[in-house]
Amino acid sequence: MIDRAERGNRAVILHPEFRLTGPEALDEFQELARSAGAEIADIIIAPRDRPEARFYVGKGKIEELAEKVEDAGADLILVSQSLSAVQERNIEKACQCRVLDRATLILDIFAQRAQSYEGKLQVELAQLRHLSTRLIRGWTHLERQKGGIGLRGPGETQLETDRRLINVRIRQLNARLDKVARQRDQSRRQRLRSRAPLIALVGYTNAGKSTLFNRLTGASVGEEDMLFATLDPTVRRMQEMHCGEVLLADTVGFVSDLPHELIAAFRATLQEAREADLLLHVTDVSDPYRMERQHDVEDVLESIGADRIPVIRIYNKIDRSGQEVAVNRDEQGMPVSVSISARNGDGIEALREAISERLASERINRWIELKGKDARFRAQLFELGVVSEERIAENGSWLLHVDVPKETAERLARIPGADGSLAKAQLLDKTRSENSEANRAERFSF
């Protein structure tokens, strides 16, 4: 909202460091800066016990920062923490240089990388939500209402007018994103009707998800050794699977302290992870801070409601760490982690087998019997597209052959009413009587 002359991308980093802040925070922020196209001229570390209200850091560090900016001929200051609008304005005024905090920098990277129509809408929405709290930075000189002949306006200050226009634009973007979300829902219903299970790749940014996606699907999604190389979700069929057709979704990478504006705006993108039958959590084993990265990803998955979905951990880039291909299993013998190299293809076949094994254990593929009072539940099963065959029993009940994820069956069982309880019993109970009509139909079908 402030008119500035066009300048370069030479930057000085200000890193407020707290006692519990590890060295990985600065390393990651430098990678963010490079991903945004910044040239790092200098770094100032400011140890702090707590943020200071005026500048976030002490006045002495701000004076040192102003000297570094002048000596380096820097065009902008990058702060590794999220600043308030007042703090950002005060630092900018003291140093006479443009200031970007962590949240704004991530938003800028997303704005550069978004390619699809949906991605551009999501980025604009996140930027406007972020900007709406900072309008005072550019409009402090326009807070008085205009007066005089020909200048009388609607009784608003310029700040109020601008905030109103931004809110109008936010409503427009939300309406367009809702339309895109409905289109995505149609695609998901088509996938459900095809009974093809969906797997979502999740993980910290630059963990190798897109490389693994290309290796498993034969696609050509862009691969770059930088943060947030992939923003737009892509869904493709997996090749050479032993369990039939499987769909794989490549999702946006996560990062620690992801701005809330981005999590809210990218709800449609993250929907792929929320509705997956299985998650592949990709971790870079060569990253010295991989455990912290795993916890950050798990926190984001919990925040979007995807923490209950079955997971296989993928320990990628073993070619860099000197490890061997390995498949680890739990007490029930189910695969829980696979060590691979997506770049070289080591362990890919073991990963395919592990995925097939987990998918088979996470789905219900069987005949069920429904009475006349279960018509509502029968309609829901057909709407989900999980019914592959239907027959009428001698007693007039319906015999349905369903192929449905266990998580979906449990969700259907929580429908209020007797039919919901009956659904759970019939979909999850594996000890039916041998004399039931459903069993006779099952034996007949094979």
Protein backbone atom coordinates (compact mmCIF):
# COMPACT_ATOMS: atom_id res chain seq x y z
CA MET A 1 0.00 0.00 0.00
CA ILE A 2 3.07 2.31 -0.06
CA ASP A 3 4.47 3.50 -3.38
CA ARG A 4 8.18 2.70 -3.47
CA ALA A 5 10.78 2.91 -6.21
CA GLU A 6 11.63 -0.34 -7.94
CA ARG A 7 14.74 -1.81 -6.34
CA GLY A 8 16.66 -5.06 -6.28
CA ASN A 9 16.57 -8.06 -3.96
CA ARG A 10 19.73 -7.52 -1.92
CA ALA A 11 18.72 -8.28 1.67
CA VAL A 12 19.94 -8.11 5.25
CA ILE A 13 18.47 -10.76 7.56
CA LEU A 14 17.48 -9.86 11.13
CA HIS A 15 17.17 -13.03 13.21
CA PRO A 16 15.74 -12.61 16.74
CA GLU A 17 17.04 -15.68 18.58
CA PHE A 18 15.38 -16.99 21.73
CA ARG A 19 16.69 -19.56 24.20
CA LEU A 20 14.61 -22.40 22.78
CA THR A 21 15.34 -21.47 19.17
CA GLY A 22 17.66 -23.94 17.50
CA PRO A 23 20.15 -23.19 14.72
CA GLU A 24 17.82 -24.84 12.22
CA ALA A 25 15.48 -21.83 12.38
CA LEU A 26 18.08 -19.50 10.84
CA ASP A 27 19.12 -22.10 8.25
CA GLU A 28 15.52 -22.57 7.18
CA PHE A 29 14.88 -18.83 6.96
CA GLN A 30 17.94 -18.40 4.74
CA GLU A 31 16.53 -21.09 2.45
CA LEU A 32 13.20 -19.24 2.40
CA ALA A 33 15.00 -16.04 1.45
CA ARG A 34 16.88 -17.75 -1.38
CA SER A 35 13.66 -19.40 -2.59
CA ALA A 36 12.11 -15.94 -2.82
CA GLY A 37 15.03 -14.78 -4.99
CA ALA A 38 16.80 -12.68 -2.36
CA GLU A 39 20.56 -12.14 -2.31
CA ILE A 40 21.68 -12.32 1.32
CA ALA A 41 24.18 -9.52 2.01
CA ASP A 42 24.48 -9.86 5.78
CA ILE A 43 22.91 -11.52 8.84
CA ILE A 44 22.33 -9.94 12.25
CA ILE A 45 21.49 -12.23 15.17
CA ALA A 46 19.67 -10.60 18.07
CA PRO A 47 19.49 -12.76 21.23
CA ARG A 48 16.27 -12.06 23.10
CA ASP A 49 14.40 -13.29 26.16
CA ARG A 50 11.13 -11.82 24.92
CA PRO A 51 9.99 -9.58 22.03
CA GLU A 52 10.24 -5.82 22.54
CA ALA A 53 7.04 -3.88 21.83
CA ARG A 54 8.49 -1.16 19.59
CA PHE A 55 10.99 -2.94 17.32
CA TYR A 56 10.67 -6.60 18.44
CA VAL A 57 14.46 -6.36 19.16
CA GLY A 58 16.40 -3.76 21.14
CA LYS A 59 17.14 -0.24 19.95
CA GLY A 60 20.87 -0.99 19.75
CA LYS A 61 20.26 -3.84 17.29
CA ILE A 62 18.09 -1.55 15.17
CA GLU A 63 20.93 1.00 15.00
CA GLU A 64 23.33 -1.79 14.02
CA LEU A 65 20.82 -2.99 11.44
CA ALA A 66 20.55 0.49 9.91
CA GLU A 67 24.35 0.65 9.57
CA LYS A 68 24.51 -2.79 7.95
CA VAL A 69 21.75 -1.85 5.50
CA GLU A 70 23.59 1.31 4.48
CA ASP A 71 27.01 -0.39 4.21
CA ALA A 72 25.64 -3.30 2.16
CA GLY A 73 23.43 -1.16 -0.05
CA ALA A 74 20.56 -3.46 0.85
CA ASP A 75 17.13 -3.12 -0.75
CA LEU A 76 15.13 -4.88 1.97
CA ILE A 77 15.25 -6.26 5.50
CA LEU A 78 14.01 -9.81 6.13
CA VAL A 79 12.94 -10.59 9.71
CA SER A 80 12.75 -14.27 10.65
CA GLN A 81 9.81 -13.74 13.04
CA SER A 82 6.28 -12.49 12.43
CA LEU A 83 6.00 -8.77 13.22
CA SER A 84 3.03 -6.62 14.12
CA ALA A 85 2.10 -3.78 11.79
CA VAL A 86 3.53 -1.22 14.23
CA GLN A 87 6.84 -3.06 14.62
CA GLU A 88 7.20 -3.41 10.86
CA ARG A 89 6.50 0.28 10.34
CA ASN A 90 8.94 1.34 13.10
CA ILE A 91 11.82 -0.75 11.71
CA GLU A 92 11.15 0.54 8.21
CA LYS A 93 11.16 4.13 9.43
CA ALA A 94 14.36 3.70 11.47
CA CYS A 95 16.31 1.94 8.71
CA GLN A 96 14.75 3.66 5.68
CA CYS A 97 14.39 0.29 4.01
CA ARG A 98 11.56 -2.03 3.07
CA VAL A 99 10.81 -4.69 5.73
CA LEU A 100 9.34 -8.17 5.21
CA ASP A 101 8.62 -10.52 8.09
CA ARG A 102 8.43 -14.32 7.90
CA ALA A 103 4.72 -14.51 7.03
CA THR A 104 4.99 -11.90 4.27
CA LEU A 105 8.04 -13.65 2.80
CA ILE A 106 6.22 -17.00 2.61
CA LEU A 107 3.24 -15.29 0.99
CA ASP A 108 5.58 -13.73 -1.58
CA ILE A 109 7.06 -17.15 -2.42
CA PHE A 110 3.58 -18.56 -2.88
CA ALA A 111 2.65 -15.63 -5.13
CA GLN A 112 5.68 -16.36 -7.33
CA ARG A 113 5.04 -20.11 -7.61
CA ALA A 114 1.25 -20.38 -7.94
CA GLN A 115 0.36 -21.51 -11.47
CA SER A 116 -3.21 -22.79 -11.41
CA TYR A 117 -6.33 -20.63 -11.25
CA GLU A 118 -7.17 -22.01 -7.81
CA GLY A 119 -3.64 -21.46 -6.51
CA LYS A 120 -3.63 -17.82 -7.61
CA LEU A 121 -6.99 -17.22 -5.94
CA GLN A 122 -5.75 -18.80 -2.73
CA VAL A 123 -2.59 -16.71 -2.69
CA GLU A 124 -4.48 -13.47 -3.33
CA LEU A 125 -6.94 -14.31 -0.56
CA ALA A 126 -4.12 -15.01 1.90
CA GLN A 127 -2.35 -11.78 0.94
CA LEU A 128 -5.49 -9.69 1.38
CA ARG A 129 -6.23 -11.22 4.78
CA HIS A 130 -2.68 -10.50 5.85
CA LEU A 131 -2.78 -6.99 4.42
CA SER A 132 -6.11 -6.09 6.01
CA THR A 133 -4.40 -5.90 9.43
CA ARG A 134 -1.66 -3.59 8.12
CA LEU A 135 -3.49 -0.94 6.15
CA ILE A 136 -2.49 1.80 8.56
CA ARG A 137 1.10 1.53 7.30
CA GLY A 138 0.26 3.20 4.01
CA TRP A 139 -2.72 5.35 4.86
CA THR A 140 -1.81 7.32 7.98
CA HIS A 141 -1.77 10.51 5.89
CA LEU A 142 -5.35 9.93 4.66
CA GLU A 143 -7.23 9.38 7.89
CA ARG A 144 -9.19 12.62 7.70
CA GLN A 145 -12.45 12.79 5.80
CA LYS A 146 -12.34 14.90 2.67
CA GLY A 147 -14.20 18.21 2.57
CA GLY A 148 -14.79 21.08 0.18
CA ILE A 149 -16.78 21.53 -3.01
CA GLY A 150 -16.56 18.45 -5.21
CA LEU A 151 -14.52 16.48 -2.67
CA ARG A 152 -17.16 15.35 -0.19
CA GLY A 153 -17.22 11.57 -0.13
CA PRO A 154 -19.42 8.94 1.48
CA GLY A 155 -18.39 9.95 5.00
CA GLU A 156 -15.54 7.43 5.22
CA THR A 157 -11.89 7.94 5.86
CA GLN A 158 -9.57 6.61 3.17
CA LEU A 159 -8.58 3.80 5.54
CA GLU A 160 -12.21 2.75 6.01
CA THR A 161 -12.83 2.89 2.26
CA ASP A 162 -9.83 0.72 1.54
CA ARG A 163 -10.75 -1.79 4.23
CA ARG A 164 -14.28 -2.02 2.83
CA LEU A 165 -12.97 -2.62 -0.71
CA ILE A 166 -10.62 -5.32 0.55
CA ASN A 167 -13.49 -7.04 2.37
CA VAL A 168 -15.54 -6.95 -0.84
CA ARG A 169 -12.66 -8.56 -2.74
CA ILE A 170 -12.22 -11.21 -0.02
CA ARG A 171 -15.90 -12.16 -0.33
CA GLN A 172 -15.52 -12.43 -4.11
CA LEU A 173 -12.47 -14.67 -3.74
CA ASN A 174 -14.22 -16.86 -1.18
CA ALA A 175 -17.17 -17.28 -3.55
CA ARG A 176 -14.85 -18.29 -6.42
CA LEU A 177 -12.92 -20.70 -4.21
CA ASP A 178 -16.19 -22.24 -3.03
CA LYS A 179 -17.05 -22.89 -6.67
CA VAL A 180 -13.64 -24.49 -7.26
CA ALA A 181 -14.15 -26.57 -4.09
CA ARG A 182 -17.48 -27.85 -5.45
CA GLN A 183 -15.73 -28.85 -8.67
CA ARG A 184 -13.10 -30.67 -6.62
CA ASP A 185 -15.86 -32.44 -4.69
CA GLN A 186 -17.31 -33.67 -7.99
CA SER A 187 -13.90 -35.07 -8.94
CA ARG A 188 -13.64 -36.78 -5.56
CA ARG A 189 -17.08 -38.34 -5.98
CA GLN A 190 -16.01 -39.66 -9.37
CA ARG A 191 -12.93 -41.20 -7.74
CA LEU A 192 -15.13 -42.78 -5.07
CA ARG A 193 -17.44 -44.19 -7.73
CA SER A 194 -14.42 -45.71 -9.43
CA ARG A 195 -13.48 -47.19 -6.01
CA ALA A 196 -9.85 -46.17 -6.57
CA PRO A 197 -8.15 -45.48 -3.20
CA LEU A 198 -6.42 -42.10 -2.86
CA ILE A 199 -2.94 -41.72 -1.38
CA ALA A 200 -1.57 -38.28 -0.46
CA LEU A 201 2.11 -37.37 -0.26
CA VAL A 202 2.72 -35.10 2.71
CA GLY A 203 5.90 -33.84 4.31
CA TYR A 204 8.14 -30.91 4.98
CA THR A 205 8.95 -28.73 2.03
CA ASN A 206 11.91 -29.94 -0.06
CA ALA A 207 11.73 -33.46 1.39
CA GLY A 208 11.52 -34.99 -2.12
CA LYS A 209 7.76 -35.46 -2.53
CA SER A 210 7.59 -34.36 -6.17
CA THR A 211 10.54 -36.59 -7.12
CA LEU A 212 8.83 -39.55 -5.48
CA PHE A 213 5.53 -38.60 -7.13
CA ASN A 214 7.16 -38.67 -10.58
CA ARG A 215 8.88 -41.98 -9.79
CA LEU A 216 5.61 -43.67 -8.74
CA THR A 217 3.33 -42.22 -11.44
CA GLY A 218 5.59 -41.53 -14.41
CA ALA A 219 4.49 -37.88 -14.33
CA SER A 220 6.75 -34.89 -14.93
CA VAL A 221 5.91 -32.56 -12.05
CA GLY A 222 8.61 -29.91 -11.58
CA GLU A 223 11.45 -30.91 -9.27
CA GLU A 224 13.73 -28.30 -7.74
CA ASP A 225 16.02 -28.31 -4.72
CA MET A 226 14.28 -25.39 -3.03
CA LEU A 227 11.49 -24.69 -0.57
CA PHE A 228 7.92 -24.66 -1.92
CA ALA A 229 8.83 -25.90 -5.41
CA THR A 230 5.30 -27.41 -5.59
CA LEU A 231 2.18 -25.42 -4.74
CA ASP A 232 -0.60 -26.76 -6.94
CA PRO A 233 -1.85 -30.28 -6.08
CA THR A 234 -1.60 -32.92 -8.78
CA VAL A 235 -3.39 -36.30 -8.88
CA ARG A 236 -2.19 -39.17 -11.09
CA ARG A 237 -2.62 -42.94 -11.30
CA MET A 238 0.17 -45.00 -9.76
CA GLN A 239 1.88 -47.41 -12.12
CA GLU A 240 2.62 -51.12 -11.66
CA MET A 241 0.56 -51.56 -8.50
CA HIS A 242 -0.37 -55.09 -7.40
CA CYS A 243 -3.62 -54.02 -5.72
CA GLY A 244 -5.32 -52.49 -8.76
CA GLU A 245 -5.90 -48.84 -9.59
CA VAL A 246 -4.51 -46.37 -7.04
CA LEU A 247 -4.47 -42.56 -7.21
CA LEU A 248 -1.58 -40.51 -5.81
CA ALA A 249 -1.81 -36.80 -4.88
CA ASP A 250 1.21 -34.53 -4.61
CA THR A 251 0.46 -31.75 -2.10
CA VAL A 252 2.11 -28.52 -1.02
CA GLY A 253 4.98 -28.93 1.42
CA PHE A 254 4.62 -27.86 5.03
CA VAL A 255 6.88 -25.54 6.99
CA SER A 256 7.18 -24.62 10.65
CA ASP A 257 5.01 -21.72 11.83
CA LEU A 258 3.00 -21.73 8.60
CA PRO A 259 0.94 -18.50 8.55
CA HIS A 260 -2.67 -19.05 9.55
CA GLU A 261 -3.77 -17.08 6.48
CA LEU A 262 -2.20 -19.75 4.27
CA ILE A 263 -3.71 -22.68 6.15
CA ALA A 264 -7.15 -21.06 5.87
CA ALA A 265 -6.76 -20.05 2.22
CA PHE A 266 -5.35 -23.39 1.04
CA ARG A 267 -8.17 -25.44 2.53
CA ALA A 268 -9.03 -26.92 -0.89
CA THR A 269 -5.41 -27.92 -1.52
CA LEU A 270 -5.12 -29.55 1.90
CA GLN A 271 -8.45 -31.32 1.31
CA GLU A 272 -6.53 -33.96 -0.66
CA ALA A 273 -4.68 -34.89 2.51
CA ARG A 274 -7.83 -34.80 4.66
CA GLU A 275 -9.75 -37.23 2.43
CA ALA A 276 -6.95 -39.65 1.56
CA ASP A 277 -7.16 -43.35 2.37
CA LEU A 278 -3.45 -43.43 3.18
CA LEU A 279 -0.76 -40.80 3.80
CA LEU A 280 2.87 -41.15 2.74
CA HIS A 281 4.81 -38.93 5.13
CA VAL A 282 8.08 -38.16 3.31
CA THR A 283 11.09 -37.23 5.44
CA ASP A 284 14.58 -36.24 4.29
CA VAL A 285 16.88 -38.55 6.31
CA SER A 286 19.89 -36.41 5.39
CA ASP A 287 18.34 -33.42 7.18
CA PRO A 288 19.95 -33.05 10.63
CA TYR A 289 16.69 -31.56 11.94
CA ARG A 290 14.40 -34.26 10.52
CA MET A 291 12.75 -35.03 13.87
CA GLU A 292 11.72 -31.40 14.34
CA ARG A 293 10.43 -31.37 10.74
CA GLN A 294 8.34 -34.49 11.39
CA HIS A 295 6.72 -32.89 14.43
CA ASP A 296 5.93 -29.73 12.43
CA VAL A 297 4.19 -31.79 9.73
CA GLU A 298 2.23 -33.76 12.33
CA ASP A 299 1.08 -30.49 13.91
CA VAL A 300 -0.25 -29.23 10.56
CA LEU A 301 -1.96 -32.57 9.85
CA GLU A 302 -3.66 -32.37 13.24
CA SER A 303 -4.76 -28.78 12.58
CA ILE A 304 -6.50 -29.78 9.32
CA GLY A 305 -8.08 -32.93 10.76
CA ALA A 306 -5.88 -35.48 8.94
CA ASP A 307 -4.10 -36.92 11.97
CA ARG A 308 -6.28 -40.08 12.15
CA ILE A 309 -5.53 -41.26 8.60
CA PRO A 310 -3.20 -44.30 8.34
CA VAL A 311 0.42 -43.31 7.60
CA ILE A 312 3.48 -44.92 6.10
CA ARG A 313 6.67 -42.99 6.85
CA ILE A 314 8.96 -42.64 3.85
CA TYR A 315 12.59 -42.01 4.77
CA ASN A 316 13.90 -40.49 1.55
CA LYS A 317 17.38 -39.61 0.25
CA ILE A 318 19.17 -42.62 1.72
CA ASP A 319 21.73 -42.14 -1.07
CA ARG A 320 22.93 -39.05 0.83
CA SER A 321 23.02 -40.67 4.25
CA GLY A 322 24.57 -44.03 3.30
CA GLN A 323 21.61 -46.08 4.58
CA GLU A 324 20.18 -49.20 2.97
CA VAL A 325 16.69 -49.96 1.67
CA ALA A 326 14.58 -51.20 4.59
CA VAL A 327 10.93 -51.91 5.46
CA ASN A 328 9.95 -51.69 9.14
CA ARG A 329 6.79 -53.39 10.44
CA ASP A 330 4.64 -53.12 13.55
CA GLU A 331 3.62 -55.90 15.95
CA GLN A 332 0.83 -57.00 13.57
CA GLY A 333 3.31 -57.31 10.73
CA MET A 334 2.02 -54.27 8.80
CA PRO A 335 4.58 -51.97 7.13
CA VAL A 336 4.96 -48.65 8.95
CA SER A 337 8.06 -47.17 7.30
CA VAL A 338 10.17 -47.63 4.17
CA SER A 339 13.67 -46.26 3.52
CA ILE A 340 14.17 -45.30 -0.14
CA SER A 341 15.93 -43.01 -2.59
CA ALA A 342 13.37 -41.43 -4.89
CA ARG A 343 16.14 -39.91 -7.01
CA ASN A 344 17.90 -43.23 -7.73
CA GLY A 345 14.82 -45.47 -7.52
CA ASP A 346 16.21 -47.58 -4.67
CA GLY A 347 13.43 -49.18 -2.61
CA ILE A 348 10.58 -48.11 -4.91
CA GLU A 349 9.39 -51.68 -5.50
CA ALA A 350 9.43 -52.36 -1.74
CA LEU A 351 7.38 -49.20 -1.27
CA ARG A 352 4.80 -50.35 -3.84
CA GLU A 353 4.39 -53.65 -2.02
CA ALA A 354 4.06 -51.89 1.34
CA ILE A 355 1.39 -49.57 -0.04
CA SER A 356 -0.58 -52.48 -1.52
CA GLU A 357 -0.40 -54.33 1.79
CA ARG A 358 -1.59 -51.34 3.84
CA LEU A 359 -4.41 -50.48 1.44
CA ALA A 360 -5.72 -54.03 1.57
CA SER A 361 -5.84 -53.87 5.38
CA GLU A 362 -7.52 -50.44 5.45
CA ARG A 363 -10.47 -51.27 3.18
CA ILE A 364 -13.62 -53.36 3.62
CA ASN A 365 -14.43 -55.43 0.53
CA ARG A 366 -17.41 -57.69 1.24
CA TRP A 367 -21.16 -58.36 1.01
CA ILE A 368 -23.58 -56.78 3.48
CA GLU A 369 -27.30 -57.27 4.03
CA LEU A 370 -29.70 -54.32 4.51
CA LYS A 371 -33.36 -54.42 5.57
CA GLY A 372 -36.14 -52.21 4.25
CA LYS A 373 -35.71 -49.72 7.14
CA ASP A 374 -32.10 -49.15 5.99
CA ALA A 375 -33.10 -47.43 2.74
CA ARG A 376 -31.47 -44.16 3.78
CA PHE A 377 -28.15 -45.87 4.45
CA ARG A 378 -28.40 -47.78 1.15
CA ALA A 379 -28.87 -44.47 -0.70
CA GLN A 380 -25.78 -43.03 1.01
CA LEU A 381 -23.67 -45.99 -0.07
CA PHE A 382 -24.77 -45.54 -3.68
CA GLU A 383 -24.12 -41.80 -3.46
CA LEU A 384 -20.57 -42.49 -2.30
CA GLY A 385 -20.12 -44.92 -5.18
CA VAL A 386 -18.88 -47.79 -3.02
CA VAL A 387 -21.44 -50.37 -4.19
CA SER A 388 -20.16 -52.66 -6.95
CA GLU A 389 -23.12 -55.07 -7.10
CA GLU A 390 -26.63 -55.39 -5.68
CA ARG A 391 -28.98 -58.38 -5.40
CA ILE A 392 -32.36 -59.05 -3.82
CA ALA A 393 -32.49 -61.83 -1.20
CA GLU A 394 -35.33 -64.32 -0.84
CA ASN A 395 -36.61 -62.48 2.24
CA GLY A 396 -36.72 -59.18 0.30
CA SER A 397 -33.64 -57.58 1.85
CA TRP A 398 -30.86 -55.99 -0.20
CA LEU A 399 -27.51 -57.70 -0.68
CA LEU A 400 -24.79 -55.17 -1.50
CA HIS A 401 -21.16 -55.78 -2.33
CA VAL A 402 -19.21 -52.79 -1.01
CA ASP A 403 -15.59 -51.68 -1.30
CA VAL A 404 -15.12 -48.88 1.22
CA PRO A 405 -12.29 -47.52 3.41
CA LYS A 406 -12.63 -48.45 7.09
CA GLU A 407 -12.45 -44.76 8.03
CA THR A 408 -15.45 -44.02 5.80
CA ALA A 409 -17.37 -46.95 7.28
CA GLU A 410 -16.70 -45.70 10.80
CA ARG A 411 -17.80 -42.20 9.82
CA LEU A 412 -21.04 -43.56 8.37
CA ALA A 413 -21.59 -45.48 11.59
CA ARG A 414 -21.73 -42.21 13.52
CA ILE A 415 -24.90 -41.13 11.69
CA PRO A 416 -27.64 -40.56 14.32
CA GLY A 417 -30.31 -43.23 14.42
CA ALA A 418 -30.59 -46.99 14.41
CA ASP A 419 -29.50 -47.26 10.79
CA GLY A 420 -26.11 -45.82 11.67
CA SER A 421 -25.50 -48.41 14.37
CA LEU A 422 -26.65 -51.14 12.01
CA ALA A 423 -24.25 -49.89 9.34
CA LYS A 424 -21.30 -50.15 11.68
CA ALA A 425 -22.26 -53.63 12.77
CA GLN A 426 -22.68 -54.87 9.22
CA LEU A 427 -19.61 -53.17 7.74
CA LEU A 428 -17.14 -53.93 10.52
CA ASP A 429 -18.39 -57.23 11.99
CA LYS A 430 -16.48 -60.11 10.41
CA THR A 431 -18.24 -62.91 12.28
CA ARG A 432 -21.51 -63.28 10.39
CA SER A 433 -23.51 -66.48 10.73
CA GLU A 434 -22.78 -69.13 8.10
CA ASN A 435 -26.51 -69.50 7.45
CA SER A 436 -27.10 -65.85 6.53
CA GLU A 437 -28.21 -64.98 3.04
CA ALA A 438 -25.28 -62.60 2.76
CA ASN A 439 -22.78 -65.42 3.22
CA ARG A 440 -24.53 -67.55 0.64
CA ALA A 441 -24.32 -64.66 -1.80
CA GLU A 442 -20.64 -64.18 -0.97
CA ARG A 443 -19.85 -67.83 -1.65
CA PHE A 444 -21.84 -67.67 -4.87
CA SER A 445 -20.03 -64.57 -6.10
CA PHE A 446 -16.60 -66.20 -6.07
